[in-house]
PDB file of N, CA and C in Angstrom:
ATOM      1  N   UNK A   1      70.656 133.633 114.931  1.00  0.00           N
ATOM      2  CA  UNK A   1      70.076 132.293 115.125  1.00  0.00           C
ATOM      3  C   UNK A   1      71.313 131.631 115.730  1.00  0.00           C
ATOM      4  N   UNK A   2      72.151 131.605 116.862  1.00  0.00           N
ATOM      5  CA  UNK A   2      72.986 131.037 117.572  1.00  0.00           C
ATOM      6  C   UNK A   2      73.313 129.248 117.136  1.00  0.00           C
ATOM      7  N   UNK A   3      73.826 128.785 116.274  1.00  0.00           N
ATOM      8  CA  UNK A   3      73.527 127.209 115.653  1.00  0.00           C
ATOM      9  C   UNK A   3      74.792 126.207 116.226  1.00  0.00           C
ATOM     10  N   UNK A   4      75.514 127.098 117.811  1.00  0.00           N
ATOM     11  CA  UNK A   4      76.536 126.428 117.861  1.00  0.00           C
ATOM     12  C   UNK A   4      76.555 124.765 118.954  1.00  0.00           C
ATOM     13  N   UNK A   5      75.346 125.337 119.763  1.00  0.00           N
ATOM     14  CA  UNK A   5      74.680 123.906 119.973  1.00  0.00           C
ATOM     15  C   UNK A   5      74.488 123.196 119.138  1.00  0.00           C
ATOM     16  N   UNK A   6      73.832 122.942 118.117  1.00  0.00           N
ATOM     17  CA  UNK A   6      74.192 122.463 117.266  1.00  0.00           C
ATOM     18  C   UNK A   6      74.251 120.564 117.657  1.00  0.00           C
ATOM     19  N   UNK A   7      75.361 121.010 117.467  1.00  0.00           N
ATOM     20  CA  UNK A   7      76.570 119.706 117.239  1.00  0.00           C
ATOM     21  C   UNK A   7      76.939 118.985 116.324  1.00  0.00           C
ATOM     22  N   UNK A   8      77.094 119.547 115.485  1.00  0.00           N
ATOM     23  CA  UNK A   8      76.995 119.299 113.698  1.00  0.00           C
ATOM     24  C   UNK A   8      78.659 119.124 113.558  1.00  0.00           C
ATOM     25  N   UNK A   9      79.258 117.444 113.308  1.00  0.00           N
ATOM     26  CA  UNK A   9      80.802 117.929 113.755  1.00  0.00           C
ATOM     27  C   UNK A   9      81.196 118.446 112.244  1.00  0.00           C
ATOM     28  N   UNK A  10      82.355 118.973 112.300  1.00  0.00           N
ATOM     29  CA  UNK A  10      82.763 119.281 111.058  1.00  0.00           C
ATOM     30  C   UNK A  10      82.522 120.391 109.918  1.00  0.00           C
ATOM     31  N   UNK A  11      81.299 121.594 110.801  1.00  0.00           N
ATOM     32  CA  UNK A  11      80.521 122.185 110.310  1.00  0.00           C
ATOM     33  C   UNK A  11      80.685 123.560 111.073  1.00  0.00           C
ATOM     34  N   UNK A  12      80.953 125.093 110.644  1.00  0.00           N
ATOM     35  CA  UNK A  12      80.933 125.564 110.853  1.00  0.00           C
ATOM     36  C   UNK A  12      79.399 126.710 110.754  1.00  0.00           C
ATOM     37  N   UNK A  13      78.626 127.129 112.435  1.00  0.00           N
ATOM     38  CA  UNK A  13      77.914 127.738 112.848  1.00  0.00           C
ATOM     39  C   UNK A  13      78.109 129.598 112.388  1.00  0.00           C
ATOM     40  N   UNK A  14      77.250 129.893 110.827  1.00  0.00           N
ATOM     41  CA  UNK A  14      77.317 131.488 110.716  1.00  0.00           C
ATOM     42  C   UNK A  14      75.924 132.011 111.842  1.00  0.00           C
ATOM     43  N   UNK A  15      77.028 132.709 112.892  1.00  0.00           N
ATOM     44  CA  UNK A  15      75.906 133.713 113.907  1.00  0.00           C
ATOM     45  C   UNK A  15      74.623 134.698 113.463  1.00  0.00           C
ATOM     46  N   UNK A  16      73.924 134.719 113.421  1.00  0.00           N
ATOM     47  CA  UNK A  16      72.538 134.909 113.013  1.00  0.00           C
ATOM     48  C   UNK A  16      71.836 134.113 111.161  1.00  0.00           C
ATOM     49  N   UNK A  17      72.485 133.914 111.309  1.00  0.00           N
ATOM     50  CA  UNK A  17      71.218 133.209 109.937  1.00  0.00           C
ATOM     51  C   UNK A  17      71.951 131.084 109.817  1.00  0.00           C
ATOM     52  N   UNK A  18      70.832 131.132 108.843  1.00  0.00           N
ATOM     53  CA  UNK A  18      70.968 129.305 108.956  1.00  0.00           C
ATOM     54  C   UNK A  18      71.672 128.932 108.263  1.00  0.00           C
ATOM     55  N   UNK A  19      72.491 129.206 108.342  1.00  0.00           N
ATOM     56  CA  UNK A  19      74.076 128.970 106.869  1.00  0.00           C
ATOM     57  C   UNK A  19      74.605 127.804 108.144  1.00  0.00           C
ATOM     58  N   UNK A  20      75.062 126.596 107.167  1.00  0.00           N
ATOM     59  CA  UNK A  20      76.483 126.125 108.396  1.00  0.00           C
ATOM     60  C   UNK A  20      77.066 125.823 106.942  1.00  0.00           C
ATOM     61  N   UNK A  21      78.602 125.624 107.236  1.00  0.00           N
ATOM     62  CA  UNK A  21      79.463 125.351 106.184  1.00  0.00           C
ATOM     63  C   UNK A  21      80.116 124.678 106.784  1.00  0.00           C
ATOM     64  N   UNK A  22      80.763 123.069 105.619  1.00  0.00           N
ATOM     65  CA  UNK A  22      81.892 122.743 106.012  1.00  0.00           C
ATOM     66  C   UNK A  22      83.299 123.541 106.472  1.00  0.00           C
ATOM     67  N   UNK A  23      84.022 122.878 107.103  1.00  0.00           N
ATOM     68  CA  UNK A  23      85.195 123.178 107.509  1.00  0.00           C
ATOM     69  C   UNK A  23      86.630 122.355 106.310  1.00  0.00           C
ATOM     70  N   UNK A  24      85.658 121.873 105.957  1.00  0.00           N
ATOM     71  CA  UNK A  24      87.040 121.665 105.338  1.00  0.00           C
ATOM     72  C   UNK A  24      86.771 120.254 104.171  1.00  0.00           C
ATOM     73  N   UNK A  25      87.122 120.433 102.840  1.00  0.00           N
ATOM     74  CA  UNK A  25      86.585 119.821 102.168  1.00  0.00           C
ATOM     75  C   UNK A  25      85.996 118.124 102.152  1.00  0.00           C
ATOM     76  N   UNK A  26      85.151 117.801 101.696  1.00  0.00           N
ATOM     77  CA  UNK A  26      84.514 116.245 101.560  1.00  0.00           C
ATOM     78  C   UNK A  26      85.942 115.547 100.930  1.00  0.00           C
ATOM     79  N   UNK A  27      86.168 114.436 101.470  1.00  0.00           N
ATOM     80  CA  UNK A  27      87.420 113.774 101.401  1.00  0.00           C
ATOM     81  C   UNK A  27      87.524 113.401  99.701  1.00  0.00           C
ATOM     82  N   UNK A  28      86.131 112.962  98.915  1.00  0.00           N
ATOM     83  CA  UNK A  28      86.049 112.368  98.060  1.00  0.00           C
ATOM     84  C   UNK A  28      85.659 113.976  96.547  1.00  0.00           C
ATOM     85  N   UNK A  29      85.891 114.849  96.911  1.00  0.00           N
ATOM     86  CA  UNK A  29      85.763 115.913  96.563  1.00  0.00           C
ATOM     87  C   UNK A  29      86.174 115.572  95.315  1.00  0.00           C
ATOM     88  N   UNK A  30      87.364 115.670  94.336  1.00  0.00           N
ATOM     89  CA  UNK A  30      87.726 115.353  93.574  1.00  0.00           C
ATOM     90  C   UNK A  30      87.698 113.828  92.589  1.00  0.00           C
ATOM     91  N   UNK A  31      87.362 113.745  93.794  1.00  0.00           N
ATOM     92  CA  UNK A  31      87.294 111.837  92.628  1.00  0.00           C
ATOM     93  C   UNK A  31      86.638 111.426  91.378  1.00  0.00           C
ATOM     94  N   UNK A  32      86.901 110.984  90.568  1.00  0.00           N
ATOM     95  CA  UNK A  32      85.680 111.058  89.324  1.00  0.00           C
ATOM     96  C   UNK A  32      85.004 110.364  89.152  1.00  0.00           C
ATOM     97  N   UNK A  33      84.053 110.831  87.947  1.00  0.00           N
ATOM     98  CA  UNK A  33      82.422 110.890  89.057  1.00  0.00           C
ATOM     99  C   UNK A  33      81.886 109.175  87.899  1.00  0.00           C
ATOM    100  N   UNK A  34      81.538 107.778  88.553  1.00  0.00           N
ATOM    101  CA  UNK A  34      80.830 107.107  88.688  1.00  0.00           C
ATOM    102  C   UNK A  34      82.287 106.289  89.142  1.00  0.00           C
ATOM    103  N   UNK A  35      83.669 106.570  89.928  1.00  0.00           N
ATOM    104  CA  UNK A  35      84.391 106.631  90.953  1.00  0.00           C
ATOM    105  C   UNK A  35      84.315 105.093  91.487  1.00  0.00           C
ATOM    106  N   UNK A  36      83.293 105.539  92.118  1.00  0.00           N
ATOM    107  CA  UNK A  36      82.636 105.082  93.487  1.00  0.00           C
ATOM    108  C   UNK A  36      82.002 103.466  93.182  1.00  0.00           C
ATOM    109  N   UNK A  37      80.974 103.837  91.956  1.00  0.00           N
ATOM    110  CA  UNK A  37      80.420 102.386  91.629  1.00  0.00           C
ATOM    111  C   UNK A  37      81.357 101.244  90.699  1.00  0.00           C
ATOM    112  N   UNK A  38      83.128 102.623  90.327  1.00  0.00           N
ATOM    113  CA  UNK A  38      82.980 100.731  89.431  1.00  0.00           C
ATOM    114  C   UNK A  38      83.855 100.268  90.561  1.00  0.00           C
ATOM    115  N   UNK A  39      84.520 100.519  91.531  1.00  0.00           N
ATOM    116  CA  UNK A  39      85.050 100.085  92.837  1.00  0.00           C
ATOM    117  C   UNK A  39      84.049  98.747  93.387  1.00  0.00           C
ATOM    118  N   UNK A  40      82.612  99.232  93.180  1.00  0.00           N
ATOM    119  CA  UNK A  40      81.365  98.518  93.632  1.00  0.00           C
ATOM    120  C   UNK A  40      81.036  97.278  93.444  1.00  0.00           C
ATOM    121  N   UNK A  41      81.271  98.290  92.305  1.00  0.00           N
ATOM    122  CA  UNK A  41      81.275  96.196  90.645  1.00  0.00           C
ATOM    123  C   UNK A  41      81.872  95.944  91.376  1.00  0.00           C
ATOM    124  N   UNK A  42      83.331  96.829  90.968  1.00  0.00           N
ATOM    125  CA  UNK A  42      84.721  95.190  90.733  1.00  0.00           C
ATOM    126  C   UNK A  42      84.668  94.509  91.985  1.00  0.00           C
ATOM    127  N   UNK A  43      84.211  94.869  93.677  1.00  0.00           N
ATOM    128  CA  UNK A  43      84.078  94.189  94.971  1.00  0.00           C
ATOM    129  C   UNK A  43      83.914  93.294  94.588  1.00  0.00           C
ATOM    130  N   UNK A  44      82.277  94.008  94.385  1.00  0.00           N
ATOM    131  CA  UNK A  44      81.004  92.121  93.892  1.00  0.00           C
ATOM    132  C   UNK A  44      81.349  91.457  93.065  1.00  0.00           C
ATOM    133  N   UNK A  45      82.080  91.580  91.676  1.00  0.00           N
ATOM    134  CA  UNK A  45      82.729  90.518  91.231  1.00  0.00           C
ATOM    135  C   UNK A  45      83.429  89.681  92.148  1.00  0.00           C
ATOM    136  N   UNK A  46      84.307  90.649  92.851  1.00  0.00           N
ATOM    137  CA  UNK A  46      85.870  89.582  93.261  1.00  0.00           C
ATOM    138  C   UNK A  46      84.569  88.768  94.050  1.00  0.00           C
ATOM    139  N   UNK A  47      83.677  88.709  94.695  1.00  0.00           N
ATOM    140  CA  UNK A  47      82.809  88.081  96.296  1.00  0.00           C
ATOM    141  C   UNK A  47      82.184  87.073  94.680  1.00  0.00           C
ATOM    142  N   UNK A  48      81.554  87.210  93.312  1.00  0.00           N
ATOM    143  CA  UNK A  48      81.350  85.987  92.850  1.00  0.00           C
ATOM    144  C   UNK A  48      82.280  85.318  92.545  1.00  0.00           C
ATOM    145  N   UNK A  49      83.075  85.324  92.247  1.00  0.00           N
ATOM    146  CA  UNK A  49      84.447  84.671  91.589  1.00  0.00           C
ATOM    147  C   UNK A  49      84.860  84.097  92.206  1.00  0.00           C
ATOM    148  N   UNK A  50      84.862  84.018  93.972  1.00  0.00           N
ATOM    149  CA  UNK A  50      85.122  83.557  94.573  1.00  0.00           C
ATOM    150  C   UNK A  50      84.153  83.226  95.705  1.00  0.00           C
ATOM    151  N   UNK A  51      82.947  83.327  95.019  1.00  0.00           N
ATOM    152  CA  UNK A  51      81.825  81.796  95.331  1.00  0.00           C
ATOM    153  C   UNK A  51      81.270  80.807  94.131  1.00  0.00           C
ATOM    154  N   UNK A  52      82.315  81.251  92.847  1.00  0.00           N
ATOM    155  CA  UNK A  52      81.848  80.162  91.940  1.00  0.00           C
ATOM    156  C   UNK A  52      82.382  78.741  93.072  1.00  0.00           C
ATOM    157  N   UNK A  53      82.025  77.861  92.020  1.00  0.00           N
ATOM    158  CA  UNK A  53      82.305  76.445  92.949  1.00  0.00           C
ATOM    159  C   UNK A  53      83.814  76.653  91.691  1.00  0.00           C
ATOM    160  N   UNK A  54      84.992  75.487  92.422  1.00  0.00           N
ATOM    161  CA  UNK A  54      86.120  75.723  91.761  1.00  0.00           C
ATOM    162  C   UNK A  54      86.023  74.333  90.731  1.00  0.00           C
ATOM    163  N   UNK A  55      86.707  73.828  90.184  1.00  0.00           N
ATOM    164  CA  UNK A  55      87.617  72.693  89.601  1.00  0.00           C
ATOM    165  C   UNK A  55      87.522  71.584  90.366  1.00  0.00           C
ATOM    166  N   UNK A  56      86.442  70.816  90.962  1.00  0.00           N
ATOM    167  CA  UNK A  56      85.943  69.576  91.684  1.00  0.00           C
ATOM    168  C   UNK A  56      87.334  68.796  91.779  1.00  0.00           C
ATOM    169  N   UNK A  57      88.076  68.154  92.756  1.00  0.00           N
ATOM    170  CA  UNK A  57      89.613  67.539  92.526  1.00  0.00           C
ATOM    171  C   UNK A  57      88.767  66.542  93.241  1.00  0.00           C
ATOM    172  N   UNK A  58      89.522  65.078  92.339  1.00  0.00           N
ATOM    173  CA  UNK A  58      89.359  63.582  93.512  1.00  0.00           C
ATOM    174  C   UNK A  58      90.432  64.136  94.476  1.00  0.00           C
ATOM    175  N   UNK A  59      90.025  62.904  95.932  1.00  0.00           N
ATOM    176  CA  UNK A  59      90.971  63.432  96.487  1.00  0.00           C
ATOM    177  C   UNK A  59      92.626  62.627  95.731  1.00  0.00           C
ATOM    178  N   UNK A  60      92.623  62.102  95.224  1.00  0.00           N
ATOM    179  CA  UNK A  60      93.780  61.803  94.513  1.00  0.00           C
ATOM    180  C   UNK A  60      94.630  62.838  93.661  1.00  0.00           C
ATOM    181  N   UNK A  61      93.740  63.421  92.786  1.00  0.00           N
ATOM    182  CA  UNK A  61      94.081  64.859  92.566  1.00  0.00           C
ATOM    183  C   UNK A  61      94.566  65.898  93.620  1.00  0.00           C
ATOM    184  N   UNK A  62      93.860  65.795  94.432  1.00  0.00           N
ATOM    185  CA  UNK A  62      93.615  67.252  95.755  1.00  0.00           C
ATOM    186  C   UNK A  62      95.729  65.707  96.552  1.00  0.00           C
ATOM    187  N   UNK A  63      95.515  64.717  96.689  1.00  0.00           N
ATOM    188  CA  UNK A  63      96.821  64.531  97.052  1.00  0.00           C
ATOM    189  C   UNK A  63      98.357  65.109  96.431  1.00  0.00           C
ATOM    190  N   UNK A  64      98.028  65.263  94.865  1.00  0.00           N
ATOM    191  CA  UNK A  64      99.217  64.806  93.696  1.00  0.00           C
ATOM    192  C   UNK A  64      99.592  66.411  93.644  1.00  0.00           C
ATOM    193  N   UNK A  65      98.345  66.920  94.755  1.00  0.00           N
ATOM    194  CA  UNK A  65      98.199  68.338  94.548  1.00  0.00           C
ATOM    195  C   UNK A  65      99.354  69.050  95.207  1.00  0.00           C
ATOM    196  N   UNK A  66      98.719  68.544  96.386  1.00  0.00           N
ATOM    197  CA  UNK A  66      99.578  69.252  97.913  1.00  0.00           C
ATOM    198  C   UNK A  66     100.813  68.341  97.497  1.00  0.00           C
ATOM    199  N   UNK A  67     101.380  67.511  97.708  1.00  0.00           N
ATOM    200  CA  UNK A  67     103.326  66.858  97.352  1.00  0.00           C
ATOM    201  C   UNK A  67     103.316  67.606  96.255  1.00  0.00           C
ATOM    202  N   UNK A  68     102.929  68.429  94.812  1.00  0.00           N
ATOM    203  CA  UNK A  68     103.814  69.113  94.443  1.00  0.00           C
ATOM    204  C   UNK A  68     103.494  70.662  94.959  1.00  0.00           C
ATOM    205  N   UNK A  69     103.010  70.961  95.664  1.00  0.00           N
ATOM    206  CA  UNK A  69     103.416  72.365  96.210  1.00  0.00           C
ATOM    207  C   UNK A  69     104.123  72.297  97.127  1.00  0.00           C
ATOM    208  N   UNK A  70     104.000  70.531  98.039  1.00  0.00           N
ATOM    209  CA  UNK A  70     105.278  70.602  99.454  1.00  0.00           C
ATOM    210  C   UNK A  70     106.231  70.861  98.865  1.00  0.00           C
ATOM    211  N   UNK A  71     106.784  70.104  97.618  1.00  0.00           N
ATOM    212  CA  UNK A  71     108.234  70.580  96.980  1.00  0.00           C
ATOM    213  C   UNK A  71     109.093  71.610  96.231  1.00  0.00           C
ATOM    214  N   UNK A  72     107.609  72.314  96.059  1.00  0.00           N
ATOM    215  CA  UNK A  72     107.716  73.291  95.561  1.00  0.00           C
ATOM    216  C   UNK A  72     108.475  74.259  96.485  1.00  0.00           C
ATOM    217  N   UNK A  73     107.030  74.228  97.463  1.00  0.00           N
ATOM    218  CA  UNK A  73     108.019  74.854  99.155  1.00  0.00           C
ATOM    219  C   UNK A  73     108.963  74.491  99.660  1.00  0.00           C
ATOM    220  N   UNK A  74     109.288  73.208  99.340  1.00  0.00           N
ATOM    221  CA  UNK A  74     110.949  72.535  99.229  1.00  0.00           C
ATOM    222  C   UNK A  74     112.128  73.198  99.073  1.00  0.00           C
ATOM    223  N   UNK A  75     111.908  73.737  97.708  1.00  0.00           N
ATOM    224  CA  UNK A  75     112.848  73.950  96.921  1.00  0.00           C
ATOM    225  C   UNK A  75     112.431  75.584  96.912  1.00  0.00           C
ATOM    226  N   UNK A  76     111.646  75.819  97.047  1.00  0.00           N
ATOM    227  CA  UNK A  76     112.033  77.700  97.549  1.00  0.00           C
ATOM    228  C   UNK A  76     113.237  77.521  98.179  1.00  0.00           C
ATOM    229  N   UNK A  77     112.635  77.078  99.549  1.00  0.00           N
ATOM    230  CA  UNK A  77     113.938  77.316 101.357  1.00  0.00           C
ATOM    231  C   UNK A  77     114.959  76.675 100.785  1.00  0.00           C
ATOM    232  N   UNK A  78     115.153  75.671 100.464  1.00  0.00           N
ATOM    233  CA  UNK A  78     116.223  75.096 100.073  1.00  0.00           C
ATOM    234  C   UNK A  78     117.188  76.264  98.971  1.00  0.00           C
ATOM    235  N   UNK A  79     116.748  76.330  98.554  1.00  0.00           N
ATOM    236  CA  UNK A  79     117.705  77.383  97.070  1.00  0.00           C
ATOM    237  C   UNK A  79     117.912  79.209  98.112  1.00  0.00           C
ATOM    238  N   UNK A  80     116.840  79.138  99.221  1.00  0.00           N
ATOM    239  CA  UNK A  80     117.202  80.290  99.818  1.00  0.00           C
ATOM    240  C   UNK A  80     118.208  79.998 100.691  1.00  0.00           C
ATOM    241  N   UNK A  81     118.141  78.666 101.568  1.00  0.00           N
ATOM    242  CA  UNK A  81     119.307  78.371 102.841  1.00  0.00           C
ATOM    243  C   UNK A  81     120.892  78.349 101.673  1.00  0.00           C
ATOM    244  N   UNK A  82     120.654  78.231 100.347  1.00  0.00           N
ATOM    245  CA  UNK A  82     121.263  78.046  99.077  1.00  0.00           C
ATOM    246  C   UNK A  82     122.654  79.309  99.649  1.00  0.00           C
ATOM    247  N   UNK A  83     121.468  80.026  99.060  1.00  0.00           N
ATOM    248  CA  UNK A  83     122.190  81.750  98.886  1.00  0.00           C
ATOM    249  C   UNK A  83     122.558  81.762  99.817  1.00  0.00           C
ATOM    250  N   UNK A  84     122.220  81.219 101.032  1.00  0.00           N
ATOM    251  CA  UNK A  84     122.607  82.639 102.099  1.00  0.00           C
ATOM    252  C   UNK A  84     123.751  81.985 102.995  1.00  0.00           C
ATOM    253  N   UNK A  85     124.092  80.429 101.682  1.00  0.00           N
ATOM    254  CA  UNK A  85     124.956  79.636 103.285  1.00  0.00           C
ATOM    255  C   UNK A  85     126.575  80.051 102.517  1.00  0.00           C
ATOM    256  N   UNK A  86     127.655  80.225 103.598  1.00  0.00           N
ATOM    257  CA  UNK A  86     128.865  80.453 103.056  1.00  0.00           C
ATOM    258  C   UNK A  86     129.793  79.120 102.961  1.00  0.00           C
ATOM    259  N   UNK A  87     129.051  78.084 104.192  1.00  0.00           N
ATOM    260  CA  UNK A  87     129.390  76.693 104.568  1.00  0.00           C
ATOM    261  C   UNK A  87     129.891  75.849 103.080  1.00  0.00           C
ATOM    262  N   UNK A  88     130.975  75.843 102.483  1.00  0.00           N
ATOM    263  CA  UNK A  88     131.149  75.017 101.053  1.00  0.00           C
ATOM    264  C   UNK A  88     130.448  73.507 101.345  1.00  0.00           C
ATOM    265  N   UNK A  89     130.859  72.803 102.096  1.00  0.00           N
ATOM    266  CA  UNK A  89     130.056  71.402 102.781  1.00  0.00           C
ATOM    267  C   UNK A  89     129.083  72.157 102.694  1.00  0.00           C
ATOM    268  N   UNK A  90     128.504  72.017 102.895  1.00  0.00           N
ATOM    269  CA  UNK A  90     126.917  72.553 103.888  1.00  0.00           C
ATOM    270  C   UNK A  90     126.224  73.191 101.913  1.00  0.00           C
ATOM    271  N   UNK A  91     126.715  73.730 101.593  1.00  0.00           N
ATOM    272  CA  UNK A  91     125.789  74.198  99.873  1.00  0.00           C
ATOM    273  C   UNK A  91     125.921  72.935  99.429  1.00  0.00           C
ATOM    274  N   UNK A  92     126.957  71.619  99.586  1.00  0.00           N
ATOM    275  CA  UNK A  92     126.950  71.008  98.934  1.00  0.00           C
ATOM    276  C   UNK A  92     126.101  69.907  99.051  1.00  0.00           C
ATOM    277  N   UNK A  93     125.757  69.763 100.324  1.00  0.00           N
ATOM    278  CA  UNK A  93     124.058  69.610 100.683  1.00  0.00           C
ATOM    279  C   UNK A  93     122.765  69.907 100.237  1.00  0.00           C
ATOM    280  N   UNK A  94     122.950  71.285 100.260  1.00  0.00           N
ATOM    281  CA  UNK A  94     122.223  72.068 100.112  1.00  0.00           C
ATOM    282  C   UNK A  94     121.795  72.365  98.171  1.00  0.00           C
ATOM    283  N   UNK A  95     123.068  71.774  97.553  1.00  0.00           N
ATOM    284  CA  UNK A  95     122.630  71.193  95.825  1.00  0.00           C
ATOM    285  C   UNK A  95     122.365  70.062  95.583  1.00  0.00           C
ATOM    286  N   UNK A  96     123.115  68.541  96.090  1.00  0.00           N
ATOM    287  CA  UNK A  96     122.023  67.461  96.213  1.00  0.00           C
ATOM    288  C   UNK A  96     120.536  67.848  96.535  1.00  0.00           C
ATOM    289  N   UNK A  97     120.518  68.253  97.520  1.00  0.00           N
ATOM    290  CA  UNK A  97     118.279  68.668  97.992  1.00  0.00           C
ATOM    291  C   UNK A  97     118.057  68.721  96.833  1.00  0.00           C
ATOM    292  N   UNK A  98     118.904  70.117  96.414  1.00  0.00           N
ATOM    293  CA  UNK A  98     118.069  71.002  95.143  1.00  0.00           C
ATOM    294  C   UNK A  98     118.150  69.420  94.011  1.00  0.00           C
ATOM    295  N   UNK A  99     118.955  69.391  93.267  1.00  0.00           N
ATOM    296  CA  UNK A  99     118.205  68.436  92.257  1.00  0.00           C
ATOM    297  C   UNK A  99     117.674  67.445  92.464  1.00  0.00           C
ATOM    298  N   UNK A 100     117.291  66.765  93.958  1.00  0.00           N
ATOM    299  CA  UNK A 100     116.415  65.976  94.173  1.00  0.00           C
ATOM    300  C   UNK A 100     114.942  66.358  94.132  1.00  0.00           C
ATOM    301  N   UNK A 101     115.274  67.687  94.792  1.00  0.00           N
ATOM    302  CA  UNK A 101     114.168  68.153  94.493  1.00  0.00           C
ATOM    303  C   UNK A 101     113.397  68.704  93.172  1.00  0.00           C
ATOM    304  N   UNK A 102     114.267  68.765  92.101  1.00  0.00           N
ATOM    305  CA  UNK A 102     113.767  69.055  91.083  1.00  0.00           C
ATOM    306  C   UNK A 102     113.829  67.927  90.869  1.00  0.00           C
ATOM    307  N   UNK A 103     113.817  66.803  90.552  1.00  0.00           N
ATOM    308  CA  UNK A 103     113.535  65.858  89.772  1.00  0.00           C
ATOM    309  C   UNK A 103     112.569  64.666  89.733  1.00  0.00           C
ATOM    310  N   UNK A 104     112.268  64.682  91.842  1.00  0.00           N
ATOM    311  CA  UNK A 104     110.310  64.303  91.494  1.00  0.00           C
ATOM    312  C   UNK A 104     109.755  65.592  91.167  1.00  0.00           C
ATOM    313  N   UNK A 105     110.355  66.702  90.663  1.00  0.00           N
ATOM    314  CA  UNK A 105     109.639  67.477  90.529  1.00  0.00           C
ATOM    315  C   UNK A 105     108.710  67.636  88.505  1.00  0.00           C
ATOM    316  N   UNK A 106     110.272  66.764  88.233  1.00  0.00           N
ATOM    317  CA  UNK A 106     109.894  66.872  87.124  1.00  0.00           C
ATOM    318  C   UNK A 106     109.244  65.512  86.563  1.00  0.00           C
ATOM    319  N   UNK A 107     108.860  64.683  87.646  1.00  0.00           N
ATOM    320  CA  UNK A 107     107.966  63.403  87.552  1.00  0.00           C
ATOM    321  C   UNK A 107     106.513  63.959  87.210  1.00  0.00           C
ATOM    322  N   UNK A 108     106.125  64.717  87.977  1.00  0.00           N
ATOM    323  CA  UNK A 108     104.347  65.099  87.615  1.00  0.00           C
ATOM    324  C   UNK A 108     104.422  66.027  86.439  1.00  0.00           C
ATOM    325  N   UNK A 109     105.667  66.827  86.057  1.00  0.00           N
ATOM    326  CA  UNK A 109     105.454  67.212  84.656  1.00  0.00           C
ATOM    327  C   UNK A 109     104.746  66.335  83.850  1.00  0.00           C
TER     328      UNK A 109
END
């Protein structure tokens, strides 16, 4: 029996028999038993934790948190520019800006 025309991708049909053998091993043949279920479980847990409502912030708390985050971002950008700068006058301006950002951030603590 010729199975050549059956269109079984990734398999080889043996002429004269009903046998079809895979051309290569499955990609997950050597995976530890139960690994797939642990991965699925982990993904489901991630979805559940993302869907759980987080602490609700008041509009004032959101504003404060937004301002704090903006100051942190400005500080990291200023620090990056300070490390990259070779001009001493520009470095002095950046150091003053960094000191001011640190002062403003300390008000939140």
